[in-house]
Amino acid sequence: MKKVEIYTDGGARGNPGPGGFGAIVIFGRHRKELKGAFDHTTNNRMELMAAIAALGILKEPCAITLHSDSKYLVDAMTKGWLTGWKKRGWVKSDKKSVLNRDLWQQLDQATGDHKITWKWVKGHAGNELNERCDALVHEAIDAGDLIEDSGYLDQQTRERGLFE
């Protein structure tokens, strides 16, 4: 398997508010930066989007080390939370529905046949690539070409009991 390093970050201004993600995918001498922004979303959703976007550009199964400053993301993938949520029909151990289910399902699919080591890095602590991902988040938001996060809007509708 080819070895790939991925760094990701996500953020939202206002949380919820305008948000963005940034990712850097490194394979050998090659480096690709990814970014995107949404008009009304959350920090956690953007952390997930960063990982989904980065994994989505890989064309074959790889051995990946994915670095994120999101405990939410890294813990879900390393502590068995995602596996448990799926077994319980997307219900957490406290019997509440899993937030961001749409993105967790996308991430689960995106992990595919990859062998992924999930690494937590402290955010805003001088890690050059984590800092660059953070800059990509803000570049994406500041560019102003924000996409509607329909998954977040659907989640809010369900939580308010308007459907289902």
N, C-alpha and C. Protein backbone atom coordinates (compact mmCIF):
# COMPACT_ATOMS: atom_id res chain seq x y z
N MET A 1 0.83 -1.19 0.00
CA MET A 1 0.00 0.00 0.00
C MET A 1 0.88 1.25 0.00
N LYS A 2 0.42 2.24 -0.73
CA LYS A 2 1.12 3.52 -0.73
C LYS A 2 0.90 4.21 0.60
N LYS A 3 1.94 4.90 1.10
CA LYS A 3 1.85 5.60 2.37
C LYS A 3 1.50 7.06 2.13
N VAL A 4 0.48 7.52 2.83
CA VAL A 4 -0.03 8.88 2.68
C VAL A 4 -0.15 9.53 4.06
N GLU A 5 0.22 10.79 4.15
CA GLU A 5 0.03 11.59 5.36
C GLU A 5 -1.09 12.59 5.06
N ILE A 6 -2.01 12.72 5.98
CA ILE A 6 -3.10 13.69 5.83
C ILE A 6 -3.19 14.53 7.10
N TYR A 7 -3.32 15.83 6.91
CA TYR A 7 -3.59 16.76 8.01
C TYR A 7 -4.93 17.43 7.71
N THR A 8 -5.76 17.58 8.74
CA THR A 8 -7.09 18.15 8.53
C THR A 8 -7.42 19.15 9.64
N ASP A 9 -8.32 20.07 9.31
CA ASP A 9 -8.86 20.98 10.31
C ASP A 9 -10.21 21.48 9.80
N GLY A 10 -11.05 21.87 10.73
CA GLY A 10 -12.34 22.45 10.42
C GLY A 10 -12.69 23.47 11.46
N GLY A 11 -13.54 24.40 11.09
CA GLY A 11 -13.95 25.41 12.05
C GLY A 11 -15.19 26.14 11.58
N ALA A 12 -15.85 26.78 12.53
CA ALA A 12 -17.02 27.59 12.23
C ALA A 12 -16.95 28.87 13.04
N ARG A 13 -17.33 29.94 12.43
CA ARG A 13 -17.38 31.23 13.12
C ARG A 13 -18.78 31.42 13.68
N GLY A 14 -18.88 31.33 14.97
CA GLY A 14 -20.18 31.44 15.62
C GLY A 14 -20.65 30.10 16.14
N ASN A 15 -20.34 29.05 15.48
CA ASN A 15 -20.62 27.66 15.85
C ASN A 15 -22.01 27.47 16.46
N PRO A 16 -23.10 27.48 15.70
CA PRO A 16 -23.09 27.43 14.24
C PRO A 16 -22.90 28.81 13.61
N GLY A 17 -22.44 28.74 12.39
CA GLY A 17 -22.21 29.93 11.60
C GLY A 17 -21.50 29.53 10.33
N PRO A 18 -20.93 30.49 9.63
CA PRO A 18 -20.16 30.13 8.44
C PRO A 18 -18.97 29.28 8.87
N GLY A 19 -18.71 28.22 8.12
CA GLY A 19 -17.63 27.32 8.50
C GLY A 19 -16.85 26.84 7.30
N GLY A 20 -15.69 26.28 7.59
CA GLY A 20 -14.86 25.78 6.51
C GLY A 20 -13.99 24.63 6.97
N PHE A 21 -13.41 23.97 5.97
CA PHE A 21 -12.48 22.89 6.26
C PHE A 21 -11.23 23.09 5.42
N GLY A 22 -10.14 22.51 5.92
CA GLY A 22 -8.89 22.52 5.18
C GLY A 22 -8.21 21.18 5.38
N ALA A 23 -7.54 20.71 4.35
CA ALA A 23 -6.82 19.44 4.44
C ALA A 23 -5.59 19.50 3.55
N ILE A 24 -4.58 18.77 3.98
CA ILE A 24 -3.35 18.62 3.19
C ILE A 24 -3.10 17.13 3.06
N VAL A 25 -2.96 16.68 1.82
CA VAL A 25 -2.70 15.27 1.54
C VAL A 25 -1.29 15.19 0.95
N ILE A 26 -0.44 14.36 1.58
CA ILE A 26 0.96 14.26 1.16
C ILE A 26 1.27 12.82 0.77
N PHE A 27 1.79 12.68 -0.44
CA PHE A 27 2.25 11.38 -0.92
C PHE A 27 3.62 11.60 -1.56
N GLY A 28 4.64 11.09 -0.91
CA GLY A 28 6.00 11.30 -1.41
C GLY A 28 6.31 12.78 -1.52
N ARG A 29 6.70 13.20 -2.71
CA ARG A 29 7.03 14.61 -2.95
C ARG A 29 5.79 15.44 -3.28
N HIS A 30 4.66 14.77 -3.45
CA HIS A 30 3.44 15.45 -3.88
C HIS A 30 2.63 15.92 -2.67
N ARG A 31 2.06 17.09 -2.82
CA ARG A 31 1.25 17.68 -1.74
C ARG A 31 0.06 18.37 -2.38
N LYS A 32 -1.14 18.05 -1.87
CA LYS A 32 -2.35 18.68 -2.38
C LYS A 32 -3.10 19.31 -1.22
N GLU A 33 -3.51 20.56 -1.40
CA GLU A 33 -4.29 21.26 -0.40
C GLU A 33 -5.74 21.32 -0.85
N LEU A 34 -6.65 21.10 0.09
CA LEU A 34 -8.08 21.13 -0.17
C LEU A 34 -8.74 22.09 0.81
N LYS A 35 -9.80 22.76 0.36
CA LYS A 35 -10.55 23.62 1.26
C LYS A 35 -11.96 23.80 0.71
N GLY A 36 -12.86 24.12 1.61
CA GLY A 36 -14.24 24.39 1.24
C GLY A 36 -14.94 25.10 2.38
N ALA A 37 -16.09 25.72 2.07
CA ALA A 37 -16.79 26.49 3.10
C ALA A 37 -18.29 26.37 2.94
N PHE A 38 -18.99 26.48 4.06
CA PHE A 38 -20.43 26.34 4.12
C PHE A 38 -21.02 27.52 4.87
N ASP A 39 -22.28 27.87 4.53
CA ASP A 39 -22.85 29.10 5.08
C ASP A 39 -23.37 28.97 6.49
N HIS A 40 -23.84 27.83 6.92
CA HIS A 40 -24.39 27.68 8.27
C HIS A 40 -24.12 26.26 8.72
N THR A 41 -23.12 26.10 9.58
CA THR A 41 -22.66 24.77 9.95
C THR A 41 -22.00 24.83 11.32
N THR A 42 -21.36 23.74 11.71
CA THR A 42 -20.68 23.70 13.00
C THR A 42 -19.22 23.28 12.84
N ASN A 43 -18.45 23.55 13.87
CA ASN A 43 -17.06 23.15 13.91
C ASN A 43 -16.92 21.64 13.71
N ASN A 44 -17.71 20.85 14.44
CA ASN A 44 -17.59 19.40 14.34
C ASN A 44 -17.90 18.90 12.93
N ARG A 45 -18.90 19.48 12.30
CA ARG A 45 -19.22 19.05 10.93
C ARG A 45 -18.05 19.35 9.99
N MET A 46 -17.40 20.48 10.19
CA MET A 46 -16.29 20.83 9.31
C MET A 46 -15.06 19.96 9.57
N GLU A 47 -14.86 19.54 10.82
CA GLU A 47 -13.77 18.59 11.11
C GLU A 47 -14.00 17.29 10.34
N LEU A 48 -15.24 16.82 10.33
CA LEU A 48 -15.57 15.60 9.59
C LEU A 48 -15.42 15.81 8.08
N MET A 49 -15.88 16.96 7.59
CA MET A 49 -15.78 17.25 6.15
C MET A 49 -14.33 17.26 5.67
N ALA A 50 -13.44 17.76 6.51
CA ALA A 50 -12.02 17.80 6.12
C ALA A 50 -11.50 16.39 5.88
N ALA A 51 -11.83 15.47 6.78
CA ALA A 51 -11.37 14.09 6.61
C ALA A 51 -12.03 13.44 5.40
N ILE A 52 -13.33 13.66 5.22
CA ILE A 52 -14.05 13.09 4.08
C ILE A 52 -13.45 13.58 2.77
N ALA A 53 -13.21 14.88 2.69
CA ALA A 53 -12.65 15.47 1.46
C ALA A 53 -11.27 14.89 1.16
N ALA A 54 -10.43 14.79 2.18
CA ALA A 54 -9.07 14.29 1.96
C ALA A 54 -9.09 12.82 1.52
N LEU A 55 -9.87 12.00 2.20
CA LEU A 55 -9.94 10.58 1.82
C LEU A 55 -10.57 10.41 0.44
N GLY A 56 -11.45 11.32 0.10
CA GLY A 56 -12.17 11.22 -1.17
C GLY A 56 -11.32 11.41 -2.40
N ILE A 57 -10.14 11.99 -2.28
CA ILE A 57 -9.32 12.18 -3.48
C ILE A 57 -8.41 10.99 -3.77
N LEU A 58 -8.32 10.05 -2.82
CA LEU A 58 -7.43 8.90 -3.01
C LEU A 58 -8.08 7.89 -3.96
N LYS A 59 -7.29 7.39 -4.89
CA LYS A 59 -7.82 6.54 -5.95
C LYS A 59 -7.65 5.05 -5.69
N GLU A 60 -6.92 4.69 -4.64
CA GLU A 60 -6.71 3.29 -4.31
C GLU A 60 -6.48 3.18 -2.81
N PRO A 61 -6.64 1.97 -2.26
CA PRO A 61 -6.41 1.81 -0.83
C PRO A 61 -4.97 2.19 -0.46
N CYS A 62 -4.84 2.93 0.63
CA CYS A 62 -3.54 3.42 1.08
C CYS A 62 -3.36 3.17 2.57
N ALA A 63 -2.11 3.20 3.00
CA ALA A 63 -1.77 3.22 4.42
C ALA A 63 -1.65 4.69 4.80
N ILE A 64 -2.57 5.16 5.63
CA ILE A 64 -2.70 6.58 5.90
C ILE A 64 -2.46 6.88 7.37
N THR A 65 -1.73 7.96 7.62
CA THR A 65 -1.71 8.55 8.94
C THR A 65 -2.46 9.86 8.82
N LEU A 66 -3.60 9.95 9.51
CA LEU A 66 -4.44 11.13 9.44
C LEU A 66 -4.33 11.89 10.76
N HIS A 67 -3.88 13.13 10.66
CA HIS A 67 -3.66 14.00 11.83
C HIS A 67 -4.80 15.01 11.92
N SER A 68 -5.40 15.12 13.09
CA SER A 68 -6.48 16.07 13.30
C SER A 68 -6.39 16.63 14.71
N ASP A 69 -6.81 17.89 14.86
CA ASP A 69 -6.86 18.46 16.21
C ASP A 69 -8.25 18.29 16.83
N SER A 70 -9.08 17.46 16.20
CA SER A 70 -10.43 17.20 16.69
C SER A 70 -10.49 15.91 17.50
N LYS A 71 -10.66 16.04 18.82
CA LYS A 71 -10.85 14.86 19.67
C LYS A 71 -12.13 14.13 19.25
N TYR A 72 -13.15 14.88 18.87
CA TYR A 72 -14.43 14.33 18.42
C TYR A 72 -14.20 13.32 17.29
N LEU A 73 -13.42 13.70 16.30
CA LEU A 73 -13.13 12.84 15.17
C LEU A 73 -12.22 11.69 15.57
N VAL A 74 -11.10 12.00 16.17
CA VAL A 74 -10.09 10.97 16.48
C VAL A 74 -10.64 9.97 17.50
N ASP A 75 -11.32 10.44 18.53
CA ASP A 75 -11.86 9.51 19.53
C ASP A 75 -12.93 8.60 18.92
N ALA A 76 -13.78 9.15 18.08
CA ALA A 76 -14.82 8.32 17.45
C ALA A 76 -14.21 7.20 16.63
N MET A 77 -13.08 7.48 16.00
CA MET A 77 -12.46 6.49 15.13
C MET A 77 -11.52 5.54 15.88
N THR A 78 -11.00 5.94 17.03
CA THR A 78 -10.04 5.09 17.75
C THR A 78 -10.61 4.42 18.98
N LYS A 79 -11.70 4.94 19.50
CA LYS A 79 -12.27 4.38 20.73
C LYS A 79 -13.52 3.54 20.49
N GLY A 80 -13.81 3.27 19.22
CA GLY A 80 -14.93 2.39 18.90
C GLY A 80 -16.29 3.06 18.92
N TRP A 81 -16.34 4.38 19.03
CA TRP A 81 -17.64 5.06 19.07
C TRP A 81 -18.41 4.82 17.78
N LEU A 82 -17.77 4.99 16.63
CA LEU A 82 -18.45 4.82 15.35
C LEU A 82 -19.02 3.41 15.22
N THR A 83 -18.23 2.43 15.58
CA THR A 83 -18.69 1.04 15.52
C THR A 83 -19.92 0.84 16.40
N GLY A 84 -19.88 1.38 17.61
CA GLY A 84 -21.01 1.27 18.53
C GLY A 84 -22.26 1.98 18.01
N TRP A 85 -22.08 3.16 17.45
CA TRP A 85 -23.22 3.90 16.91
C TRP A 85 -23.90 3.10 15.81
N LYS A 86 -23.11 2.52 14.94
CA LYS A 86 -23.69 1.73 13.85
C LYS A 86 -24.44 0.52 14.40
N LYS A 87 -23.86 -0.17 15.37
CA LYS A 87 -24.50 -1.36 15.97
C LYS A 87 -25.82 -1.00 16.64
N ARG A 88 -25.89 0.19 17.23
CA ARG A 88 -27.09 0.61 17.95
C ARG A 88 -28.05 1.39 17.06
N GLY A 89 -27.87 1.34 15.76
CA GLY A 89 -28.78 2.06 14.86
C GLY A 89 -28.63 3.57 14.94
N TRP A 90 -27.39 4.04 15.08
CA TRP A 90 -27.06 5.46 15.12
C TRP A 90 -27.63 6.14 16.36
N VAL A 91 -27.58 5.39 17.46
CA VAL A 91 -27.97 5.91 18.76
C VAL A 91 -26.75 5.81 19.67
N LYS A 92 -26.50 6.88 20.44
CA LYS A 92 -25.37 6.88 21.36
C LYS A 92 -25.71 6.07 22.62
N SER A 93 -24.71 5.83 23.43
CA SER A 93 -24.91 5.06 24.65
C SER A 93 -25.89 5.74 25.61
N ASP A 94 -26.06 7.07 25.48
CA ASP A 94 -27.03 7.79 26.33
C ASP A 94 -28.43 7.78 25.73
N LYS A 95 -28.62 6.97 24.68
CA LYS A 95 -29.92 6.79 24.00
C LYS A 95 -30.34 7.97 23.13
N LYS A 96 -29.48 8.94 22.94
CA LYS A 96 -29.77 10.07 22.06
C LYS A 96 -29.22 9.77 20.67
N SER A 97 -29.85 10.37 19.66
CA SER A 97 -29.40 10.18 18.29
C SER A 97 -28.00 10.76 18.09
N VAL A 98 -27.23 10.11 17.25
CA VAL A 98 -25.89 10.59 16.91
C VAL A 98 -26.03 11.85 16.07
N LEU A 99 -25.37 12.92 16.51
CA LEU A 99 -25.33 14.14 15.71
C LEU A 99 -24.40 13.93 14.52
N ASN A 100 -24.70 14.59 13.45
CA ASN A 100 -23.87 14.57 12.24
C ASN A 100 -23.83 13.18 11.59
N ARG A 101 -24.90 12.43 11.77
CA ARG A 101 -24.98 11.07 11.23
C ARG A 101 -24.65 11.03 9.74
N ASP A 102 -25.16 12.00 8.99
CA ASP A 102 -24.91 12.01 7.54
C ASP A 102 -23.42 12.01 7.23
N LEU A 103 -22.66 12.80 7.99
CA LEU A 103 -21.23 12.88 7.73
C LEU A 103 -20.48 11.68 8.29
N TRP A 104 -20.92 11.15 9.43
CA TRP A 104 -20.30 9.94 9.95
C TRP A 104 -20.47 8.79 8.96
N GLN A 105 -21.63 8.71 8.32
CA GLN A 105 -21.85 7.66 7.32
C GLN A 105 -20.95 7.87 6.11
N GLN A 106 -20.80 9.13 5.69
CA GLN A 106 -19.90 9.42 4.57
C GLN A 106 -18.46 9.07 4.93
N LEU A 107 -18.06 9.44 6.15
CA LEU A 107 -16.69 9.15 6.58
C LEU A 107 -16.47 7.64 6.67
N ASP A 108 -17.42 6.92 7.20
CA ASP A 108 -17.33 5.47 7.30
C ASP A 108 -17.11 4.87 5.91
N GLN A 109 -17.86 5.34 4.94
CA GLN A 109 -17.70 4.85 3.57
C GLN A 109 -16.35 5.28 2.99
N ALA A 110 -15.92 6.50 3.27
CA ALA A 110 -14.66 7.01 2.72
C ALA A 110 -13.44 6.27 3.25
N THR A 111 -13.55 5.70 4.46
CA THR A 111 -12.40 4.97 5.00
C THR A 111 -12.15 3.70 4.20
N GLY A 112 -13.19 3.15 3.60
CA GLY A 112 -13.08 2.03 2.66
C GLY A 112 -12.07 0.98 3.06
N ASP A 113 -11.20 0.66 2.11
CA ASP A 113 -10.17 -0.37 2.32
C ASP A 113 -8.84 0.23 2.78
N HIS A 114 -8.86 1.51 3.14
CA HIS A 114 -7.63 2.14 3.62
C HIS A 114 -7.26 1.58 4.99
N LYS A 115 -5.98 1.58 5.28
CA LYS A 115 -5.49 1.28 6.63
C LYS A 115 -5.13 2.63 7.23
N ILE A 116 -5.93 3.09 8.20
CA ILE A 116 -5.77 4.44 8.71
C ILE A 116 -5.35 4.43 10.17
N THR A 117 -4.30 5.19 10.45
CA THR A 117 -3.90 5.47 11.82
C THR A 117 -4.34 6.89 12.10
N TRP A 118 -5.20 7.05 13.10
CA TRP A 118 -5.75 8.36 13.46
C TRP A 118 -4.89 8.96 14.58
N LYS A 119 -4.38 10.16 14.35
CA LYS A 119 -3.50 10.82 15.33
C LYS A 119 -4.08 12.17 15.71
N TRP A 120 -4.20 12.39 17.02
CA TRP A 120 -4.62 13.70 17.50
C TRP A 120 -3.39 14.59 17.64
N VAL A 121 -3.51 15.83 17.17
CA VAL A 121 -2.46 16.83 17.36
C VAL A 121 -3.09 18.03 18.06
N LYS A 122 -2.36 18.64 18.93
CA LYS A 122 -2.87 19.82 19.63
C LYS A 122 -2.98 20.97 18.63
N GLY A 123 -4.16 21.57 18.57
CA GLY A 123 -4.38 22.68 17.64
C GLY A 123 -3.73 23.96 18.11
N HIS A 124 -3.35 24.79 17.18
CA HIS A 124 -2.78 26.11 17.46
C HIS A 124 -1.58 26.01 18.40
N ALA A 125 -0.76 24.98 18.16
CA ALA A 125 0.39 24.74 19.04
C ALA A 125 1.70 24.68 18.26
N GLY A 126 1.70 25.28 17.06
CA GLY A 126 2.93 25.36 16.31
C GLY A 126 3.20 24.24 15.32
N ASN A 127 2.27 23.27 15.20
CA ASN A 127 2.44 22.23 14.19
C ASN A 127 2.19 22.89 12.83
N GLU A 128 3.23 22.95 12.01
CA GLU A 128 3.18 23.70 10.76
C GLU A 128 2.01 23.29 9.85
N LEU A 129 1.80 21.99 9.70
CA LEU A 129 0.76 21.54 8.78
C LEU A 129 -0.63 21.72 9.38
N ASN A 130 -0.76 21.57 10.69
CA ASN A 130 -2.05 21.86 11.33
C ASN A 130 -2.37 23.35 11.20
N GLU A 131 -1.37 24.18 11.37
CA GLU A 131 -1.57 25.63 11.23
C GLU A 131 -1.96 25.99 9.79
N ARG A 132 -1.35 25.31 8.82
CA ARG A 132 -1.71 25.57 7.42
C ARG A 132 -3.15 25.16 7.15
N CYS A 133 -3.58 24.03 7.72
CA CYS A 133 -4.97 23.61 7.55
C CYS A 133 -5.92 24.65 8.15
N ASP A 134 -5.58 25.19 9.30
CA ASP A 134 -6.38 26.23 9.92
C ASP A 134 -6.46 27.45 9.00
N ALA A 135 -5.34 27.82 8.39
CA ALA A 135 -5.34 28.94 7.45
C ALA A 135 -6.25 28.65 6.25
N LEU A 136 -6.24 27.40 5.77
CA LEU A 136 -7.12 27.03 4.66
C LEU A 136 -8.59 27.17 5.04
N VAL A 137 -8.93 26.83 6.28
CA VAL A 137 -10.30 27.00 6.77
C VAL A 137 -10.72 28.46 6.61
N HIS A 138 -9.88 29.37 7.09
CA HIS A 138 -10.24 30.78 7.05
C HIS A 138 -10.20 31.36 5.64
N GLU A 139 -9.28 30.88 4.82
CA GLU A 139 -9.26 31.30 3.41
C GLU A 139 -10.56 30.92 2.73
N ALA A 140 -11.04 29.71 2.99
CA ALA A 140 -12.27 29.23 2.36
C ALA A 140 -13.47 30.06 2.81
N ILE A 141 -13.57 30.33 4.10
CA ILE A 141 -14.69 31.13 4.61
C ILE A 141 -14.62 32.55 4.05
N ASP A 142 -13.42 33.14 4.08
CA ASP A 142 -13.25 34.53 3.64
C ASP A 142 -13.50 34.70 2.14
N ALA A 143 -13.33 33.63 1.37
CA ALA A 143 -13.57 33.73 -0.08
C ALA A 143 -15.04 34.02 -0.36
N GLY A 144 -15.91 33.65 0.57
CA GLY A 144 -17.31 34.03 0.45
C GLY A 144 -18.18 33.16 -0.43
N ASP A 145 -17.63 32.15 -1.05
CA ASP A 145 -18.42 31.27 -1.92
C ASP A 145 -18.91 30.09 -1.08
N LEU A 146 -19.89 30.37 -0.21
CA LEU A 146 -20.32 29.40 0.79
C LEU A 146 -21.43 28.50 0.26
N ILE A 147 -21.30 27.22 0.53
CA ILE A 147 -22.26 26.20 0.12
C ILE A 147 -23.25 25.99 1.26
N GLU A 148 -24.50 25.67 0.93
CA GLU A 148 -25.48 25.35 1.97
C GLU A 148 -25.17 23.97 2.54
N ASP A 149 -25.12 23.87 3.86
CA ASP A 149 -24.91 22.59 4.53
C ASP A 149 -26.27 21.98 4.81
N SER A 150 -26.83 21.32 3.81
CA SER A 150 -28.18 20.76 3.95
C SER A 150 -28.26 19.70 5.04
N GLY A 151 -27.16 18.98 5.29
CA GLY A 151 -27.15 17.99 6.36
C GLY A 151 -27.35 18.63 7.72
N TYR A 152 -26.76 19.79 7.93
CA TYR A 152 -26.93 20.49 9.20
C TYR A 152 -28.37 20.98 9.32
N LEU A 153 -28.90 21.54 8.24
CA LEU A 153 -30.27 22.04 8.26
C LEU A 153 -31.26 20.90 8.51
N ASP A 154 -31.04 19.75 7.87
CA ASP A 154 -31.91 18.59 8.08
C ASP A 154 -31.84 18.13 9.53
N GLN A 155 -30.65 18.13 10.10
CA GLN A 155 -30.46 17.71 11.49
C GLN A 155 -31.23 18.64 12.43
N GLN A 156 -31.18 19.94 12.18
CA GLN A 156 -31.89 20.89 13.02
C GLN A 156 -33.40 20.67 12.94
N THR A 157 -33.88 20.38 11.76
CA THR A 157 -35.30 20.11 11.57
C THR A 157 -35.73 18.88 12.36
N ARG A 158 -34.94 17.81 12.31
CA ARG A 158 -35.26 16.59 13.06
C ARG A 158 -35.24 16.86 14.56
N GLU A 159 -34.25 17.61 15.02
CA GLU A 159 -34.13 17.88 16.46
C GLU A 159 -35.31 18.71 16.97
N ARG A 160 -35.88 19.51 16.13
CA ARG A 160 -37.02 20.32 16.54
C ARG A 160 -38.33 19.55 16.41
N GLY A 161 -38.25 18.31 15.90
CA GLY A 161 -39.42 17.45 15.82
C GLY A 161 -40.39 17.83 14.72
N LEU A 162 -39.92 18.54 13.69
CA LEU A 162 -40.83 18.94 12.62
C LEU A 162 -41.15 17.79 11.68
N PHE A 163 -40.29 16.80 11.63
CA PHE A 163 -40.51 15.61 10.82
C PHE A 163 -40.15 14.41 11.64
N GLU A 164 -40.59 13.26 11.25
CA GLU A 164 -40.31 11.96 11.87
C GLU A 164 -41.13 11.77 13.10
